[in-house]
Amino acid sequence: QVQLVESGGGLVQAGGSLRLSCAASGRIFMLNAMDWYRQAPGKERDFTARITNGGTTNYADSVAGRFTISRDGAKDTVYLQMNSLKPEDTAVYYCGAWQYGSHYWGQGTQVTVSP
């Protein structure tokens, strides 16, 4: 089993920045891609960003150019740097990780962007 713990959420004004962290622990040998999803109230959980073992990244169109995903392999930690935040970025942000075809989720961290 893989455990994922997110941190760094909070309340920020529009235009501000936040950095989310996600630390992986447990049976983390051969973790593959790690990603971030988000879920706004009353909506489905949506893909936000992904980074592979090789460092390839991809982003949802809604965050491209504003968010940056990065990974510290030595610490088995993935980050999401969020800049130029908008009220529509308000959501619970979930970290995810792939291992041997299974996807694991963290518990989520709330991000609230005020106008």
N, C-alpha and C. Protein backbone atom coordinates (compact mmCIF):
# COMPACT_ATOMS: atom_id res chain seq x y z
N GLN A 1 0.83 -1.19 0.00
CA GLN A 1 0.00 0.00 0.00
C GLN A 1 0.87 1.25 0.00
N VAL A 2 0.34 2.28 -0.63
CA VAL A 2 1.00 3.58 -0.69
C VAL A 2 0.13 4.58 0.05
N GLN A 3 0.74 5.33 0.92
CA GLN A 3 0.04 6.40 1.63
C GLN A 3 0.52 7.74 1.09
N LEU A 4 -0.42 8.64 0.88
CA LEU A 4 -0.13 9.97 0.36
C LEU A 4 -0.73 11.00 1.31
N VAL A 5 0.07 11.99 1.69
CA VAL A 5 -0.40 13.02 2.61
C VAL A 5 -0.12 14.38 1.99
N GLU A 6 -1.20 15.13 1.74
CA GLU A 6 -1.08 16.46 1.16
C GLU A 6 -0.98 17.51 2.27
N SER A 7 -0.36 18.62 1.92
CA SER A 7 -0.31 19.78 2.82
C SER A 7 -0.15 21.04 1.98
N GLY A 8 -0.37 22.18 2.61
CA GLY A 8 -0.13 23.45 1.95
C GLY A 8 -1.36 24.19 1.48
N GLY A 9 -2.53 23.60 1.64
CA GLY A 9 -3.74 24.30 1.25
C GLY A 9 -4.04 25.45 2.19
N GLY A 10 -5.03 26.24 1.82
CA GLY A 10 -5.42 27.37 2.67
C GLY A 10 -6.25 28.37 1.90
N LEU A 11 -6.37 29.55 2.50
CA LEU A 11 -7.14 30.65 1.93
C LEU A 11 -6.18 31.69 1.37
N VAL A 12 -6.44 32.12 0.14
CA VAL A 12 -5.58 33.11 -0.51
C VAL A 12 -6.45 34.02 -1.36
N GLN A 13 -6.00 35.24 -1.54
CA GLN A 13 -6.74 36.17 -2.39
C GLN A 13 -6.43 35.90 -3.87
N ALA A 14 -7.35 36.29 -4.71
CA ALA A 14 -7.14 36.15 -6.15
C ALA A 14 -5.84 36.85 -6.55
N GLY A 15 -5.08 36.18 -7.43
CA GLY A 15 -3.79 36.69 -7.84
C GLY A 15 -2.63 36.19 -7.01
N GLY A 16 -2.95 35.57 -5.89
CA GLY A 16 -1.92 35.07 -5.00
C GLY A 16 -1.40 33.71 -5.40
N SER A 17 -0.54 33.14 -4.54
CA SER A 17 0.11 31.87 -4.83
C SER A 17 0.02 30.94 -3.62
N LEU A 18 0.03 29.66 -3.90
CA LEU A 18 0.14 28.62 -2.89
C LEU A 18 0.99 27.50 -3.44
N ARG A 19 1.63 26.77 -2.53
CA ARG A 19 2.40 25.59 -2.94
C ARG A 19 1.91 24.39 -2.15
N LEU A 20 1.39 23.42 -2.88
CA LEU A 20 0.93 22.18 -2.26
C LEU A 20 2.06 21.15 -2.28
N SER A 21 2.09 20.33 -1.26
CA SER A 21 3.05 19.24 -1.17
C SER A 21 2.31 17.94 -0.96
N CYS A 22 2.90 16.86 -1.42
CA CYS A 22 2.32 15.53 -1.22
C CYS A 22 3.47 14.56 -0.97
N ALA A 23 3.49 14.00 0.21
CA ALA A 23 4.55 13.07 0.60
C ALA A 23 4.03 11.64 0.52
N ALA A 24 4.78 10.80 -0.16
CA ALA A 24 4.41 9.39 -0.31
C ALA A 24 5.18 8.55 0.70
N SER A 25 4.53 7.55 1.24
CA SER A 25 5.18 6.63 2.18
C SER A 25 4.58 5.24 2.02
N GLY A 26 5.16 4.29 2.72
CA GLY A 26 4.67 2.92 2.62
C GLY A 26 5.47 2.14 1.58
N ARG A 27 4.79 1.32 0.81
CA ARG A 27 5.46 0.49 -0.20
C ARG A 27 5.61 1.31 -1.48
N ILE A 28 6.57 2.22 -1.48
CA ILE A 28 6.68 3.20 -2.57
C ILE A 28 7.71 2.80 -3.61
N PHE A 29 8.18 1.57 -3.56
CA PHE A 29 9.12 1.12 -4.57
C PHE A 29 8.46 1.14 -5.93
N MET A 30 9.15 1.69 -6.90
CA MET A 30 8.67 1.74 -8.28
C MET A 30 7.37 2.54 -8.43
N LEU A 31 7.27 3.65 -7.71
CA LEU A 31 6.18 4.57 -8.00
C LEU A 31 6.35 5.10 -9.42
N ASN A 32 5.29 5.19 -10.13
CA ASN A 32 5.34 5.71 -11.49
C ASN A 32 4.90 7.18 -11.48
N ALA A 33 3.95 7.54 -12.29
CA ALA A 33 3.53 8.94 -12.36
C ALA A 33 2.84 9.36 -11.06
N MET A 34 2.99 10.63 -10.76
CA MET A 34 2.24 11.23 -9.66
C MET A 34 1.45 12.40 -10.22
N ASP A 35 0.31 12.65 -9.64
CA ASP A 35 -0.55 13.67 -10.22
C ASP A 35 -1.36 14.41 -9.16
N TRP A 36 -2.00 15.46 -9.63
CA TRP A 36 -2.92 16.25 -8.82
C TRP A 36 -4.26 16.33 -9.55
N TYR A 37 -5.30 16.14 -8.79
CA TYR A 37 -6.66 16.35 -9.25
C TYR A 37 -7.32 17.35 -8.31
N ARG A 38 -8.43 17.92 -8.76
CA ARG A 38 -9.17 18.80 -7.86
C ARG A 38 -10.65 18.61 -8.04
N GLN A 39 -11.38 18.88 -6.97
CA GLN A 39 -12.82 18.72 -6.98
C GLN A 39 -13.49 19.92 -6.33
N ALA A 40 -14.21 20.67 -7.15
CA ALA A 40 -14.94 21.83 -6.65
C ALA A 40 -16.30 21.36 -6.11
N PRO A 41 -16.92 22.14 -5.25
CA PRO A 41 -18.21 21.74 -4.68
C PRO A 41 -19.24 21.43 -5.76
N GLY A 42 -19.87 20.26 -5.65
CA GLY A 42 -20.91 19.89 -6.59
C GLY A 42 -20.42 19.44 -7.95
N LYS A 43 -19.10 19.31 -8.09
CA LYS A 43 -18.55 18.92 -9.39
C LYS A 43 -17.73 17.65 -9.28
N GLU A 44 -17.38 17.07 -10.42
CA GLU A 44 -16.57 15.87 -10.43
C GLU A 44 -15.10 16.20 -10.16
N ARG A 45 -14.36 15.17 -9.79
CA ARG A 45 -12.93 15.34 -9.59
C ARG A 45 -12.25 15.41 -10.96
N ASP A 46 -11.51 16.48 -11.19
CA ASP A 46 -10.91 16.75 -12.49
C ASP A 46 -9.39 16.66 -12.45
N PHE A 47 -8.81 16.15 -13.53
CA PHE A 47 -7.36 16.14 -13.67
C PHE A 47 -6.82 17.56 -13.67
N THR A 48 -5.68 17.76 -12.99
CA THR A 48 -5.05 19.07 -12.93
C THR A 48 -3.64 19.03 -13.50
N ALA A 49 -2.80 18.11 -13.03
CA ALA A 49 -1.42 18.05 -13.50
C ALA A 49 -0.85 16.67 -13.20
N ARG A 50 0.16 16.28 -14.01
CA ARG A 50 0.80 14.97 -13.83
C ARG A 50 2.28 15.10 -14.16
N ILE A 51 3.10 14.33 -13.45
CA ILE A 51 4.52 14.25 -13.74
C ILE A 51 4.93 12.78 -13.72
N THR A 52 5.65 12.36 -14.75
CA THR A 52 6.08 10.97 -14.85
C THR A 52 7.42 10.77 -14.14
N ASN A 53 7.84 9.53 -14.07
CA ASN A 53 9.15 9.23 -13.50
C ASN A 53 10.27 9.92 -14.26
N GLY A 54 10.07 10.08 -15.55
CA GLY A 54 11.09 10.71 -16.37
C GLY A 54 11.03 12.23 -16.36
N GLY A 55 10.05 12.78 -15.65
CA GLY A 55 9.96 14.23 -15.53
C GLY A 55 9.04 14.89 -16.55
N THR A 56 8.40 14.09 -17.38
CA THR A 56 7.45 14.67 -18.33
C THR A 56 6.21 15.16 -17.60
N THR A 57 5.78 16.38 -17.93
CA THR A 57 4.63 16.96 -17.26
C THR A 57 3.51 17.24 -18.26
N ASN A 58 2.30 17.22 -17.77
CA ASN A 58 1.20 17.72 -18.56
C ASN A 58 0.15 18.31 -17.62
N TYR A 59 -0.62 19.24 -18.15
CA TYR A 59 -1.53 20.07 -17.36
C TYR A 59 -2.89 20.17 -18.01
N ALA A 60 -3.89 20.38 -17.18
CA ALA A 60 -5.19 20.75 -17.70
C ALA A 60 -5.09 22.13 -18.33
N ASP A 61 -5.87 22.37 -19.36
CA ASP A 61 -5.82 23.67 -20.04
C ASP A 61 -6.11 24.82 -19.08
N SER A 62 -6.95 24.57 -18.10
CA SER A 62 -7.39 25.63 -17.20
C SER A 62 -6.28 26.12 -16.27
N VAL A 63 -5.21 25.33 -16.12
CA VAL A 63 -4.13 25.72 -15.21
C VAL A 63 -2.79 25.88 -15.91
N ALA A 64 -2.69 25.49 -17.16
CA ALA A 64 -1.41 25.57 -17.89
C ALA A 64 -0.92 27.01 -17.90
N GLY A 65 0.36 27.16 -17.60
CA GLY A 65 0.95 28.49 -17.56
C GLY A 65 0.86 29.16 -16.20
N ARG A 66 0.03 28.63 -15.32
CA ARG A 66 -0.11 29.19 -13.97
C ARG A 66 0.38 28.21 -12.89
N PHE A 67 0.18 26.93 -13.12
CA PHE A 67 0.57 25.91 -12.15
C PHE A 67 1.80 25.16 -12.66
N THR A 68 2.63 24.73 -11.73
CA THR A 68 3.81 23.93 -12.07
C THR A 68 3.90 22.74 -11.14
N ILE A 69 3.98 21.55 -11.72
CA ILE A 69 4.15 20.34 -10.93
C ILE A 69 5.62 19.95 -10.96
N SER A 70 6.13 19.51 -9.81
CA SER A 70 7.52 19.07 -9.73
C SER A 70 7.59 17.91 -8.75
N ARG A 71 8.75 17.25 -8.77
CA ARG A 71 8.87 16.03 -7.98
C ARG A 71 10.26 15.92 -7.42
N ASP A 72 10.37 15.58 -6.16
CA ASP A 72 11.63 15.32 -5.51
C ASP A 72 11.72 13.81 -5.31
N GLY A 73 12.45 13.14 -6.19
CA GLY A 73 12.51 11.69 -6.11
C GLY A 73 13.15 11.18 -4.84
N ALA A 74 14.13 11.91 -4.35
CA ALA A 74 14.81 11.48 -3.13
C ALA A 74 13.87 11.50 -1.94
N LYS A 75 12.89 12.38 -1.96
CA LYS A 75 11.96 12.51 -0.84
C LYS A 75 10.60 11.90 -1.17
N ASP A 76 10.45 11.35 -2.39
CA ASP A 76 9.15 10.81 -2.80
C ASP A 76 8.04 11.81 -2.52
N THR A 77 8.29 13.03 -2.93
CA THR A 77 7.35 14.12 -2.71
C THR A 77 7.06 14.81 -4.03
N VAL A 78 5.81 15.15 -4.23
CA VAL A 78 5.42 15.91 -5.41
C VAL A 78 4.84 17.24 -4.96
N TYR A 79 5.09 18.27 -5.72
CA TYR A 79 4.66 19.62 -5.39
C TYR A 79 3.75 20.17 -6.50
N LEU A 80 2.91 21.11 -6.12
CA LEU A 80 2.12 21.85 -7.09
C LEU A 80 2.23 23.32 -6.72
N GLN A 81 3.00 24.05 -7.51
CA GLN A 81 3.13 25.50 -7.32
C GLN A 81 2.00 26.16 -8.10
N MET A 82 1.17 26.90 -7.40
CA MET A 82 0.01 27.52 -8.02
C MET A 82 0.15 29.03 -7.94
N ASN A 83 0.24 29.68 -9.09
CA ASN A 83 0.37 31.13 -9.17
C ASN A 83 -0.84 31.73 -9.85
N SER A 84 -0.99 33.03 -9.71
CA SER A 84 -2.10 33.75 -10.35
C SER A 84 -3.43 33.04 -10.09
N LEU A 85 -3.66 32.72 -8.84
CA LEU A 85 -4.86 31.96 -8.50
C LEU A 85 -6.13 32.76 -8.75
N LYS A 86 -7.17 32.03 -9.14
CA LYS A 86 -8.46 32.63 -9.45
C LYS A 86 -9.52 32.01 -8.53
N PRO A 87 -10.62 32.70 -8.31
CA PRO A 87 -11.69 32.10 -7.48
C PRO A 87 -12.14 30.73 -8.01
N GLU A 88 -12.10 30.54 -9.31
CA GLU A 88 -12.53 29.26 -9.87
C GLU A 88 -11.54 28.13 -9.61
N ASP A 89 -10.39 28.45 -9.02
CA ASP A 89 -9.45 27.41 -8.60
C ASP A 89 -9.83 26.82 -7.24
N THR A 90 -10.82 27.40 -6.60
CA THR A 90 -11.26 26.90 -5.31
C THR A 90 -11.75 25.46 -5.43
N ALA A 91 -11.16 24.58 -4.62
CA ALA A 91 -11.48 23.15 -4.70
C ALA A 91 -10.71 22.41 -3.62
N VAL A 92 -11.07 21.15 -3.45
CA VAL A 92 -10.21 20.24 -2.69
C VAL A 92 -9.23 19.63 -3.68
N TYR A 93 -7.95 19.71 -3.36
CA TYR A 93 -6.91 19.20 -4.24
C TYR A 93 -6.42 17.86 -3.71
N TYR A 94 -6.42 16.86 -4.59
CA TYR A 94 -6.02 15.51 -4.23
C TYR A 94 -4.74 15.12 -4.95
N CYS A 95 -3.84 14.55 -4.21
CA CYS A 95 -2.62 13.98 -4.77
C CYS A 95 -2.90 12.53 -5.15
N GLY A 96 -2.27 12.09 -6.24
CA GLY A 96 -2.42 10.70 -6.65
C GLY A 96 -1.08 10.13 -7.08
N ALA A 97 -0.98 8.81 -7.04
CA ALA A 97 0.24 8.13 -7.46
C ALA A 97 -0.11 6.79 -8.09
N TRP A 98 0.65 6.44 -9.13
CA TRP A 98 0.47 5.17 -9.82
C TRP A 98 1.58 4.20 -9.44
N GLN A 99 1.16 2.96 -9.20
CA GLN A 99 2.14 1.92 -8.92
C GLN A 99 1.56 0.59 -9.41
N TYR A 100 2.27 -0.04 -10.33
CA TYR A 100 1.87 -1.34 -10.86
C TYR A 100 0.41 -1.34 -11.32
N GLY A 101 0.00 -0.27 -11.97
CA GLY A 101 -1.35 -0.20 -12.52
C GLY A 101 -2.43 0.20 -11.54
N SER A 102 -2.08 0.42 -10.29
CA SER A 102 -3.06 0.88 -9.29
C SER A 102 -2.82 2.36 -9.01
N HIS A 103 -3.93 3.05 -8.77
CA HIS A 103 -3.83 4.48 -8.46
C HIS A 103 -4.24 4.70 -7.02
N TYR A 104 -3.43 5.42 -6.30
CA TYR A 104 -3.67 5.72 -4.89
C TYR A 104 -3.98 7.21 -4.73
N TRP A 105 -4.84 7.52 -3.75
CA TRP A 105 -5.25 8.90 -3.49
C TRP A 105 -4.84 9.33 -2.09
N GLY A 106 -4.53 10.62 -1.98
CA GLY A 106 -4.41 11.23 -0.66
C GLY A 106 -5.77 11.64 -0.16
N GLN A 107 -5.79 12.27 1.02
CA GLN A 107 -7.06 12.64 1.64
C GLN A 107 -7.57 14.00 1.16
N GLY A 108 -6.73 14.75 0.49
CA GLY A 108 -7.14 16.04 -0.05
C GLY A 108 -6.80 17.20 0.85
N THR A 109 -6.61 18.35 0.24
CA THR A 109 -6.36 19.59 0.98
C THR A 109 -7.16 20.71 0.34
N GLN A 110 -7.81 21.52 1.17
CA GLN A 110 -8.71 22.56 0.67
C GLN A 110 -7.92 23.78 0.23
N VAL A 111 -8.24 24.27 -0.94
CA VAL A 111 -7.72 25.55 -1.44
C VAL A 111 -8.91 26.46 -1.71
N THR A 112 -8.90 27.62 -1.08
CA THR A 112 -9.98 28.59 -1.27
C THR A 112 -9.38 29.90 -1.74
N VAL A 113 -9.87 30.40 -2.87
CA VAL A 113 -9.39 31.65 -3.44
C VAL A 113 -10.51 32.67 -3.36
N SER A 114 -10.27 33.73 -2.62
CA SER A 114 -11.29 34.77 -2.47
C SER A 114 -11.14 35.82 -3.58
N PRO A 115 -12.25 36.45 -3.96
CA PRO A 115 -12.19 37.45 -5.05
C PRO A 115 -11.34 38.65 -4.67
